[in-house]
C-alpha atoms as a PDB file:
ATOM      1  CA  MET A   1     -23.218  -6.271  38.287  1.00  0.00           C
ATOM      2  CA  SER A   2     -21.619  -3.146  36.765  1.00  0.00           C
ATOM      3  CA  GLU A   3     -22.695  -1.882  33.359  1.00  0.00           C
ATOM      4  CA  ILE A   4     -20.557  -2.916  30.376  1.00  0.00           C
ATOM      5  CA  LYS A   5     -18.512  -0.029  28.972  1.00  0.00           C
ATOM      6  CA  ILE A   6     -17.656   0.267  25.257  1.00  0.00           C
ATOM      7  CA  SER A   7     -14.714   2.281  23.912  1.00  0.00           C
ATOM      8  CA  ALA A   8     -14.588   3.316  20.242  1.00  0.00           C
ATOM      9  CA  ALA A   9     -10.975   3.606  19.004  1.00  0.00           C
ATOM     10  CA  LEU A  10      -9.893   5.619  15.957  1.00  0.00           C
ATOM     11  CA  ASN A  11      -6.569   6.407  14.309  1.00  0.00           C
ATOM     12  CA  VAL A  12      -6.556   9.709  12.457  1.00  0.00           C
ATOM     13  CA  HIS A  13      -4.212  11.445  10.027  1.00  0.00           C
ATOM     14  CA  ASN A  14      -5.678  14.627   8.506  1.00  0.00           C
ATOM     15  CA  GLU A  15      -9.254  13.353   8.336  1.00  0.00           C
ATOM     16  CA  GLU A  16     -11.246  16.556   8.835  1.00  0.00           C
ATOM     17  CA  THR A  17     -13.429  15.767   5.803  1.00  0.00           C
ATOM     18  CA  ASN A  18     -14.486  12.389   7.264  1.00  0.00           C
ATOM     19  CA  LEU A  19     -14.117  12.578  11.033  1.00  0.00           C
ATOM     20  CA  LYS A  20     -17.234  14.512  12.056  1.00  0.00           C
ATOM     21  CA  GLU A  21     -19.629  12.209  10.192  1.00  0.00           C
ATOM     22  CA  CYS A  22     -17.872   9.177  11.637  1.00  0.00           C
ATOM     23  CA  LEU A  23     -18.003  10.418  15.235  1.00  0.00           C
ATOM     24  CA  GLU A  24     -21.667  11.331  14.894  1.00  0.00           C
ATOM     25  CA  THR A  25     -22.458   7.613  14.513  1.00  0.00           C
ATOM     26  CA  LEU A  26     -20.681   6.596  17.744  1.00  0.00           C
ATOM     27  CA  GLY A  27     -23.327   7.718  20.218  1.00  0.00           C
ATOM     28  CA  PHE A  28     -23.633   4.161  21.534  1.00  0.00           C
ATOM     29  CA  ALA A  29     -20.019   4.224  22.814  1.00  0.00           C
ATOM     30  CA  ASP A  30     -19.238   5.247  26.386  1.00  0.00           C
ATOM     31  CA  GLU A  31     -15.847   6.570  25.352  1.00  0.00           C
ATOM     32  CA  ILE A  32     -14.199   7.711  22.117  1.00  0.00           C
ATOM     33  CA  VAL A  33     -10.412   7.387  21.817  1.00  0.00           C
ATOM     34  CA  VAL A  34      -8.715   9.300  18.987  1.00  0.00           C
ATOM     35  CA  ILE A  35      -5.047   8.990  18.075  1.00  0.00           C
ATOM     36  CA  LEU A  36      -3.953  12.081  16.114  1.00  0.00           C
ATOM     37  CA  ASP A  37      -1.007  11.025  13.983  1.00  0.00           C
ATOM     38  CA  ASN A  38       0.903  14.070  12.701  1.00  0.00           C
ATOM     39  CA  CYS A  39      -2.347  15.940  11.975  1.00  0.00           C
ATOM     40  CA  THR A  40      -2.022  19.394  10.433  1.00  0.00           C
ATOM     41  CA  ASP A  41      -5.700  20.015   9.674  1.00  0.00           C
ATOM     42  CA  GLY A  42      -8.781  20.477  11.867  1.00  0.00           C
ATOM     43  CA  SER A  43      -9.053  16.866  13.059  1.00  0.00           C
ATOM     44  CA  LYS A  44      -8.114  17.756  16.650  1.00  0.00           C
ATOM     45  CA  GLU A  45     -10.811  20.405  16.965  1.00  0.00           C
ATOM     46  CA  ILE A  46     -13.432  17.999  15.611  1.00  0.00           C
ATOM     47  CA  ALA A  47     -12.411  15.294  18.101  1.00  0.00           C
ATOM     48  CA  GLN A  48     -12.493  17.829  20.943  1.00  0.00           C
ATOM     49  CA  ALA A  49     -16.073  18.756  20.052  1.00  0.00           C
ATOM     50  CA  PHE A  50     -17.043  15.118  20.750  1.00  0.00           C
ATOM     51  CA  ASN A  51     -15.154  15.037  24.088  1.00  0.00           C
ATOM     52  CA  ALA A  52     -12.808  12.364  22.784  1.00  0.00           C
ATOM     53  CA  LYS A  53      -9.855  11.096  24.767  1.00  0.00           C
ATOM     54  CA  MET A  54      -6.965  12.154  22.534  1.00  0.00           C
ATOM     55  CA  GLU A  55      -3.243  11.684  22.123  1.00  0.00           C
ATOM     56  CA  GLU A  56      -1.104  13.518  19.566  1.00  0.00           C
ATOM     57  CA  GLY A  57       2.176  12.266  18.153  1.00  0.00           C
ATOM     58  CA  VAL A  58       3.966  10.819  15.163  1.00  0.00           C
ATOM     59  CA  TRP A  59       3.886   7.073  14.594  1.00  0.00           C
ATOM     60  CA  GLU A  60       5.927   5.554  11.797  1.00  0.00           C
ATOM     61  CA  PHE A  61       4.167   2.189  11.967  1.00  0.00           C
ATOM     62  CA  GLU A  62       0.417   1.695  11.810  1.00  0.00           C
ATOM     63  CA  GLY A  63       0.512  -1.315  14.115  1.00  0.00           C
ATOM     64  CA  GLU A  64       2.097   0.725  16.907  1.00  0.00           C
ATOM     65  CA  ARG A  65      -0.420   3.521  16.406  1.00  0.00           C
ATOM     66  CA  ARG A  66      -3.374   1.138  16.583  1.00  0.00           C
ATOM     67  CA  ASN A  67      -1.994  -0.509  19.715  1.00  0.00           C
ATOM     68  CA  ARG A  68      -1.681   2.912  21.336  1.00  0.00           C
ATOM     69  CA  ALA A  69      -5.385   3.580  20.781  1.00  0.00           C
ATOM     70  CA  ILE A  70      -6.209   0.219  22.372  1.00  0.00           C
ATOM     71  CA  ALA A  71      -3.933   0.979  25.342  1.00  0.00           C
ATOM     72  CA  LEU A  72      -5.720   4.288  25.997  1.00  0.00           C
ATOM     73  CA  ALA A  73      -9.167   2.691  25.958  1.00  0.00           C
ATOM     74  CA  SER A  74     -10.700   2.058  29.375  1.00  0.00           C
ATOM     75  CA  GLY A  75     -13.806   0.183  28.226  1.00  0.00           C
ATOM     76  CA  ASP A  76     -14.564  -3.474  28.824  1.00  0.00           C
ATOM     77  CA  TRP A  77     -14.996  -3.806  25.050  1.00  0.00           C
ATOM     78  CA  ILE A  78     -13.229  -2.010  22.227  1.00  0.00           C
ATOM     79  CA  PHE A  79     -14.754  -1.188  18.864  1.00  0.00           C
ATOM     80  CA  GLU A  80     -12.176  -0.273  16.197  1.00  0.00           C
ATOM     81  CA  ILE A  81     -13.350   2.008  13.408  1.00  0.00           C
ATOM     82  CA  ASP A  82     -11.631   4.092  10.707  1.00  0.00           C
ATOM     83  CA  PRO A  83     -12.600   7.711   9.962  1.00  0.00           C
ATOM     84  CA  ASP A  84     -14.028   6.790   6.546  1.00  0.00           C
ATOM     85  CA  GLU A  85     -16.525   4.403   8.167  1.00  0.00           C
ATOM     86  CA  ARG A  86     -20.010   4.970   9.583  1.00  0.00           C
ATOM     87  CA  VAL A  87     -22.040   2.905  12.071  1.00  0.00           C
ATOM     88  CA  PRO A  88     -25.714   2.503  11.105  1.00  0.00           C
ATOM     89  CA  ALA A  89     -28.286   2.200  13.881  1.00  0.00           C
ATOM     90  CA  GLU A  90     -28.737  -1.549  13.265  1.00  0.00           C
ATOM     91  CA  LEU A  91     -25.036  -2.211  13.837  1.00  0.00           C
ATOM     92  CA  ALA A  92     -24.952  -0.020  16.953  1.00  0.00           C
ATOM     93  CA  ASP A  93     -27.855  -2.012  18.415  1.00  0.00           C
ATOM     94  CA  GLU A  94     -26.138  -5.309  17.594  1.00  0.00           C
ATOM     95  CA  ILE A  95     -22.843  -4.189  19.155  1.00  0.00           C
ATOM     96  CA  PHE A  96     -24.683  -3.171  22.304  1.00  0.00           C
ATOM     97  CA  ALA A  97     -26.463  -6.542  22.465  1.00  0.00           C
ATOM     98  CA  LYS A  98     -23.371  -8.665  21.805  1.00  0.00           C
ATOM     99  CA  THR A  99     -21.178  -6.923  24.383  1.00  0.00           C
ATOM    100  CA  GLY A 100     -23.859  -7.448  26.992  1.00  0.00           C
ATOM    101  CA  ALA A 101     -24.333 -11.138  26.188  1.00  0.00           C
ATOM    102  CA  GLY A 102     -20.937 -12.207  27.559  1.00  0.00           C
ATOM    103  CA  ASP A 103     -20.667 -15.421  25.516  1.00  0.00           C
ATOM    104  CA  ALA A 104     -17.680 -14.486  23.289  1.00  0.00           C
ATOM    105  CA  ASP A 105     -14.488 -12.438  23.330  1.00  0.00           C
ATOM    106  CA  PHE A 106     -14.417 -11.020  19.803  1.00  0.00           C
ATOM    107  CA  TYR A 107     -16.578 -10.592  16.713  1.00  0.00           C
ATOM    108  CA  LEU A 108     -16.106  -9.941  13.009  1.00  0.00           C
ATOM    109  CA  ILE A 109     -17.727  -6.807  11.603  1.00  0.00           C
ATOM    110  CA  PRO A 110     -18.983  -7.094   7.996  1.00  0.00           C
ATOM    111  CA  VAL A 111     -18.165  -4.140   5.727  1.00  0.00           C
ATOM    112  CA  GLY A 112     -20.243  -2.484   3.046  1.00  0.00           C
ATOM    113  CA  ASN A 113     -17.841  -0.695   0.668  1.00  0.00           C
ATOM    114  CA  TYR A 114     -19.164   2.385  -1.126  1.00  0.00           C
ATOM    115  CA  VAL A 115     -17.785   4.479  -3.969  1.00  0.00           C
ATOM    116  CA  GLY A 116     -19.919   7.591  -3.964  1.00  0.00           C
ATOM    117  CA  ALA A 117     -23.511   6.519  -3.391  1.00  0.00           C
ATOM    118  CA  ARG A 118     -22.954   3.093  -4.917  1.00  0.00           C
ATOM    119  CA  HIS A 119     -22.610  -0.001  -2.758  1.00  0.00           C
ATOM    120  CA  VAL A 120     -19.950  -2.100  -4.490  1.00  0.00           C
ATOM    121  CA  ARG A 121     -20.543  -5.642  -3.251  1.00  0.00           C
ATOM    122  CA  TYR A 122     -18.169  -7.645  -5.440  1.00  0.00           C
ATOM    123  CA  GLY A 123     -14.534  -7.582  -6.512  1.00  0.00           C
ATOM    124  CA  TRP A 124     -12.729  -6.664  -3.310  1.00  0.00           C
ATOM    125  CA  ALA A 125      -9.537  -8.651  -2.772  1.00  0.00           C
ATOM    126  CA  GLY A 126      -6.265  -8.531  -0.870  1.00  0.00           C
ATOM    127  CA  ASN A 127      -5.948  -5.558   1.467  1.00  0.00           C
ATOM    128  CA  PHE A 128      -7.917  -3.344  -0.899  1.00  0.00           C
ATOM    129  CA  GLY A 129     -11.513  -2.907   0.208  1.00  0.00           C
ATOM    130  CA  LYS A 130     -11.936  -5.089   3.300  1.00  0.00           C
ATOM    131  CA  VAL A 131     -15.127  -7.144   3.492  1.00  0.00           C
ATOM    132  CA  ALA A 132     -14.941  -7.998   7.224  1.00  0.00           C
ATOM    133  CA  TYR A 133     -12.576  -7.403  10.134  1.00  0.00           C
ATOM    134  CA  VAL A 134     -12.126  -8.278  13.815  1.00  0.00           C
ATOM    135  CA  GLY A 135     -13.410  -4.925  15.007  1.00  0.00           C
ATOM    136  CA  LEU A 136     -15.207  -5.718  18.278  1.00  0.00           C
ATOM    137  CA  PHE A 137     -13.275  -7.377  21.085  1.00  0.00           C
ATOM    138  CA  ARG A 138     -12.774  -7.468  24.843  1.00  0.00           C
ATOM    139  CA  ASN A 139     -10.113  -5.125  26.133  1.00  0.00           C
ATOM    140  CA  GLY A 140      -6.793  -6.990  26.086  1.00  0.00           C
ATOM    141  CA  ALA A 141      -7.832  -9.599  23.519  1.00  0.00           C
ATOM    142  CA  LYS A 142      -6.217  -8.020  20.441  1.00  0.00           C
ATOM    143  CA  ASN A 143      -2.666  -6.888  19.768  1.00  0.00           C
ATOM    144  CA  TRP A 144      -1.450  -5.564  16.415  1.00  0.00           C
ATOM    145  CA  HIS A 145       1.896  -6.551  14.911  1.00  0.00           C
ATOM    146  CA  ARG A 146       4.358  -3.868  13.930  1.00  0.00           C
ATOM    147  CA  GLY A 147       3.930  -2.910  10.296  1.00  0.00           C
ATOM    148  CA  ARG A 148       2.938  -0.234   7.805  1.00  0.00           C
ATOM    149  CA  VAL A 149       0.310  -1.801   5.538  1.00  0.00           C
ATOM    150  CA  HIS A 150       0.022  -5.606   5.652  1.00  0.00           C
ATOM    151  CA  LEU A 151      -0.708  -5.785   9.361  1.00  0.00           C
ATOM    152  CA  GLY A 152      -1.238  -8.950  11.319  1.00  0.00           C
ATOM    153  CA  PHE A 153      -2.501  -9.258  14.867  1.00  0.00           C
ATOM    154  CA  ASP A 154      -2.869 -11.691  17.740  1.00  0.00           C
ATOM    155  CA  ILE A 155      -6.324 -12.376  19.118  1.00  0.00           C
ATOM    156  CA  THR A 156      -7.169 -14.436  22.178  1.00  0.00           C
ATOM    157  CA  GLY A 157     -10.369 -15.902  23.517  1.00  0.00           C
ATOM    158  CA  LYS A 158     -13.532 -17.276  21.961  1.00  0.00           C
ATOM    159  CA  GLY A 159     -14.813 -15.960  18.657  1.00  0.00           C
ATOM    160  CA  GLY A 160     -18.485 -15.121  18.324  1.00  0.00           C
ATOM    161  CA  GLY A 161     -18.718 -15.192  14.538  1.00  0.00           C
ATOM    162  CA  THR A 162     -19.747 -12.348  12.243  1.00  0.00           C
ATOM    163  CA  LEU A 163     -22.320  -9.716  13.125  1.00  0.00           C
ATOM    164  CA  SER A 164     -25.322  -9.300  10.835  1.00  0.00           C
ATOM    165  CA  ALA A 165     -25.350  -5.544  10.240  1.00  0.00           C
ATOM    166  CA  PRO A 166     -22.451  -4.130   8.186  1.00  0.00           C
ATOM    167  CA  ILE A 167     -20.416  -1.043   8.887  1.00  0.00           C
ATOM    168  CA  ILE A 168     -20.527   1.489   6.023  1.00  0.00           C
ATOM    169  CA  ARG A 169     -17.148   2.332   4.495  1.00  0.00           C
ATOM    170  CA  HIS A 170     -16.733   5.246   2.067  1.00  0.00           C
ATOM    171  CA  LEU A 171     -13.762   4.676  -0.245  1.00  0.00           C
ATOM    172  CA  GLY A 172     -14.271   7.991  -2.008  1.00  0.00           C
ATOM    173  CA  CYS A 173     -16.701   9.894  -4.181  1.00  0.00           C
ATOM    174  CA  SER A 174     -15.278   8.595  -7.450  1.00  0.00           C
ATOM    175  CA  ILE A 175     -12.742   6.276  -9.068  1.00  0.00           C
ATOM    176  CA  SER A 176     -10.275   9.185  -8.877  1.00  0.00           C
ATOM    177  CA  ASP A 177     -10.514   8.999  -5.077  1.00  0.00           C
ATOM    178  CA  VAL A 178      -9.982   5.239  -5.216  1.00  0.00           C
ATOM    179  CA  LEU A 179      -6.850   5.769  -7.340  1.00  0.00           C
ATOM    180  CA  ARG A 180      -5.526   8.254  -4.786  1.00  0.00           C
ATOM    181  CA  ARG A 181      -6.071   5.603  -2.117  1.00  0.00           C
ATOM    182  CA  VAL A 182      -4.080   3.124  -4.246  1.00  0.00           C
ATOM    183  CA  ASP A 183      -1.251   5.644  -4.467  1.00  0.00           C
ATOM    184  CA  ARG A 184      -1.133   6.169  -0.686  1.00  0.00           C
ATOM    185  CA  CYS A 185      -1.300   2.459   0.112  1.00  0.00           C
ATOM    186  CA  THR A 186       1.373   1.439  -2.385  1.00  0.00           C
ATOM    187  CA  THR A 187       3.719   4.160  -1.133  1.00  0.00           C
ATOM    188  CA  SER A 188       3.466   2.784   2.406  1.00  0.00           C
ATOM    189  CA  ARG A 189       3.816  -0.787   1.161  1.00  0.00           C
ATOM    190  CA  ALA A 190       6.922   0.183  -0.838  1.00  0.00           C
ATOM    191  CA  ARG A 191       8.623   1.482   2.287  1.00  0.00           C
ATOM    192  CA  GLU A 192       7.758  -1.745   4.070  1.00  0.00           C
ATOM    193  CA  LEU A 193       9.147  -3.878   1.230  1.00  0.00           C
ATOM    194  CA  ALA A 194      12.376  -1.861   1.157  1.00  0.00           C
ATOM    195  CA  GLU A 195      12.833  -2.173   4.929  1.00  0.00           C
ATOM    196  CA  LEU A 196      12.211  -5.928   4.850  1.00  0.00           C
ATOM    197  CA  GLY A 197      14.479  -6.453   1.854  1.00  0.00           C
ATOM    198  CA  GLU A 198      11.614  -7.981  -0.133  1.00  0.00           C
ATOM    199  CA  VAL A 199      12.115  -6.077  -3.367  1.00  0.00           C
ATOM    200  CA  SER A 200      11.702  -8.721  -6.086  1.00  0.00           C
ATOM    201  CA  GLY A 201      12.043  -9.018  -9.852  1.00  0.00           C
ATOM    202  CA  TYR A 202       9.440  -7.820 -12.306  1.00  0.00           C
ATOM    203  CA  ALA A 203       8.456 -11.226 -13.686  1.00  0.00           C
ATOM    204  CA  GLY A 204       7.201 -12.576 -10.371  1.00  0.00           C
ATOM    205  CA  THR A 205       5.512  -9.277  -9.526  1.00  0.00           C
ATOM    206  CA  ILE A 206       3.696  -9.165 -12.868  1.00  0.00           C
ATOM    207  CA  ARG A 207       2.421 -12.712 -12.303  1.00  0.00           C
ATOM    208  CA  LYS A 208       1.236 -11.721  -8.840  1.00  0.00           C
ATOM    209  CA  SER A 209      -0.526  -8.624 -10.176  1.00  0.00           C
ATOM    210  CA  LEU A 210      -2.265 -10.647 -12.872  1.00  0.00           C
ATOM    211  CA  GLY A 211      -3.279 -13.186 -10.243  1.00  0.00           C
ATOM    212  CA  TRP A 212      -4.817 -10.501  -8.057  1.00  0.00           C
ATOM    213  CA  PHE A 213      -6.650  -8.985 -11.032  1.00  0.00           C
ATOM    214  CA  ILE A 214      -8.144 -12.402 -11.885  1.00  0.00           C
ATOM    215  CA  ARG A 215      -9.023 -13.005  -8.254  1.00  0.00           C
ATOM    216  CA  SER A 216     -10.825  -9.662  -8.030  1.00  0.00           C
ATOM    217  CA  TYR A 217     -12.606  -9.751 -11.380  1.00  0.00           C
ATOM    218  CA  LEU A 218     -13.448 -13.467 -11.661  1.00  0.00           C
ATOM    219  CA  THR A 219     -13.110 -15.251  -8.302  1.00  0.00           C
ATOM    220  CA  LYS A 220     -14.602 -12.367  -6.305  1.00  0.00           C
ATOM    221  CA  ARG A 221     -17.082 -11.703  -9.138  1.00  0.00           C
ATOM    222  CA  GLY A 222     -16.128  -8.104  -9.816  1.00  0.00           C
ATOM    223  CA  TYR A 223     -17.592  -8.538 -13.297  1.00  0.00           C
ATOM    224  CA  ARG A 224     -21.035  -8.335 -11.686  1.00  0.00           C
ATOM    225  CA  GLU A 225     -20.415  -4.654 -10.938  1.00  0.00           C
ATOM    226  CA  GLY A 226     -19.922  -3.663 -14.563  1.00  0.00           C
ATOM    227  CA  ALA A 227     -17.418  -0.902 -15.367  1.00  0.00           C
ATOM    228  CA  ILE A 228     -16.702  -0.049 -11.748  1.00  0.00           C
ATOM    229  CA  GLY A 229     -15.945  -3.710 -11.034  1.00  0.00           C
ATOM    230  CA  LEU A 230     -13.381  -3.736 -13.838  1.00  0.00           C
ATOM    231  CA  ALA A 231     -11.833  -0.502 -12.534  1.00  0.00           C
ATOM    232  CA  ILE A 232     -11.530  -1.955  -9.032  1.00  0.00           C
ATOM    233  CA  ALA A 233      -9.999  -5.180 -10.365  1.00  0.00           C
ATOM    234  CA  ILE A 234      -7.385  -3.089 -12.192  1.00  0.00           C
ATOM    235  CA  CYS A 235      -6.648  -1.202  -8.960  1.00  0.00           C
ATOM    236  CA  VAL A 236      -6.332  -4.462  -7.025  1.00  0.00           C
ATOM    237  CA  GLY A 237      -3.972  -5.859  -9.659  1.00  0.00           C
ATOM    238  CA  LEU A 238      -1.878  -2.694  -9.764  1.00  0.00           C
ATOM    239  CA  CYS A 239      -1.128  -2.709  -6.039  1.00  0.00           C
ATOM    240  CA  PRO A 240       1.681  -5.343  -6.034  1.00  0.00           C
ATOM    241  CA  LEU A 241       3.260  -3.913  -9.177  1.00  0.00           C
ATOM    242  CA  LEU A 242       3.186  -0.269  -8.055  1.00  0.00           C
ATOM    243  CA  SER A 243       4.495  -1.233  -4.615  1.00  0.00           C
ATOM    244  CA  GLN A 244       7.505  -2.967  -6.172  1.00  0.00           C
ATOM    245  CA  PHE A 245       8.139  -0.112  -8.623  1.00  0.00           C
ATOM    246  CA  LYS A 246       8.136   2.393  -5.779  1.00  0.00           C
ATOM    247  CA  ALA A 247      10.292   0.170  -3.583  1.00  0.00           C
ATOM    248  CA  LYS A 248      12.886  -0.164  -6.327  1.00  0.00           C
ATOM    249  CA  LEU A 249      12.969   3.581  -6.863  1.00  0.00           C
ATOM    250  CA  GLU A 250      13.238   4.191  -3.130  1.00  0.00           C
ATOM    251  CA  VAL A 251      16.067   1.676  -2.743  1.00  0.00           C
ATOM    252  CA  SER A 252      17.862   3.063  -5.786  1.00  0.00           C
ATOM    253  CA  SER A 253      17.473   6.643  -4.572  1.00  0.00           C
ATOM    254  CA  SER A 254      18.717   5.774  -1.099  1.00  0.00           C
ATOM    255  CA  ALA A 255      21.726   3.906  -2.485  1.00  0.00           C
ATOM    256  CA  ALA A 256      22.559   6.747  -4.841  1.00  0.00           C
ATOM    257  CA  GLY A 257      22.222   9.270  -2.039  1.00  0.00           C
ATOM    258  CA  GLY A 258      24.438   7.236   0.269  1.00  0.00           C
ATOM    259  CA  GLY A 259      27.061   6.787  -2.414  1.00  0.00           C
ATOM    260  CA  GLY A 260      27.301  10.472  -3.043  1.00  0.00           C
ATOM    261  CA  GLN A 261      28.283  11.356   0.512  1.00  0.00           C
END
């Protein structure tokens, strides 16, 4: 029987500050696939130093970019990881064991979210600060939907549950970094809302934002984290509101620009 081969798949846009540390934790993988999306920094040179299989280009939609990384992977199993994540030795050992067992087709990877050196366990909600994801799967089992931010996917086969060891995710060194992440995410979400024609009124959006704040701070027990839990709950609640504000401005700007021609 041939040895099971594992491919690690990454999507990268100007991640030179994160990429090296991420790749250093992927020694268990037989192959590293890196998609370089419109990179203008040193990400390519870092990936080359790890003998990664690379493809450069410009992808407008994250779903298409992620599917391209999967398509390039030649392993029997694919492990999806983002550049701001790290694989501890315990998780690497568990991935190796599960892929060799052959009794499932995909697994959930638990996530430990860090802000600086602090492990923030509570308060994550919505698409902000994932707590688990389908990150380990047989080649061909997972296909991402087209989209910018709120991505869905199709998965086939038998699920094997959630692994025990978490992946380590660094959301930034400070709340300022977290706020910059909110800005990037809501900009992408605004474009998606404008394209889908889902720009809504303020009243409904404010209710949704308040609902997400309550979900983060109370339901997901963000209050247990003290001040940082409150800050994260505010960020979670701001996401729907900022996305709609930006979408309205983008739609208005586009309409004004079109009318002036």
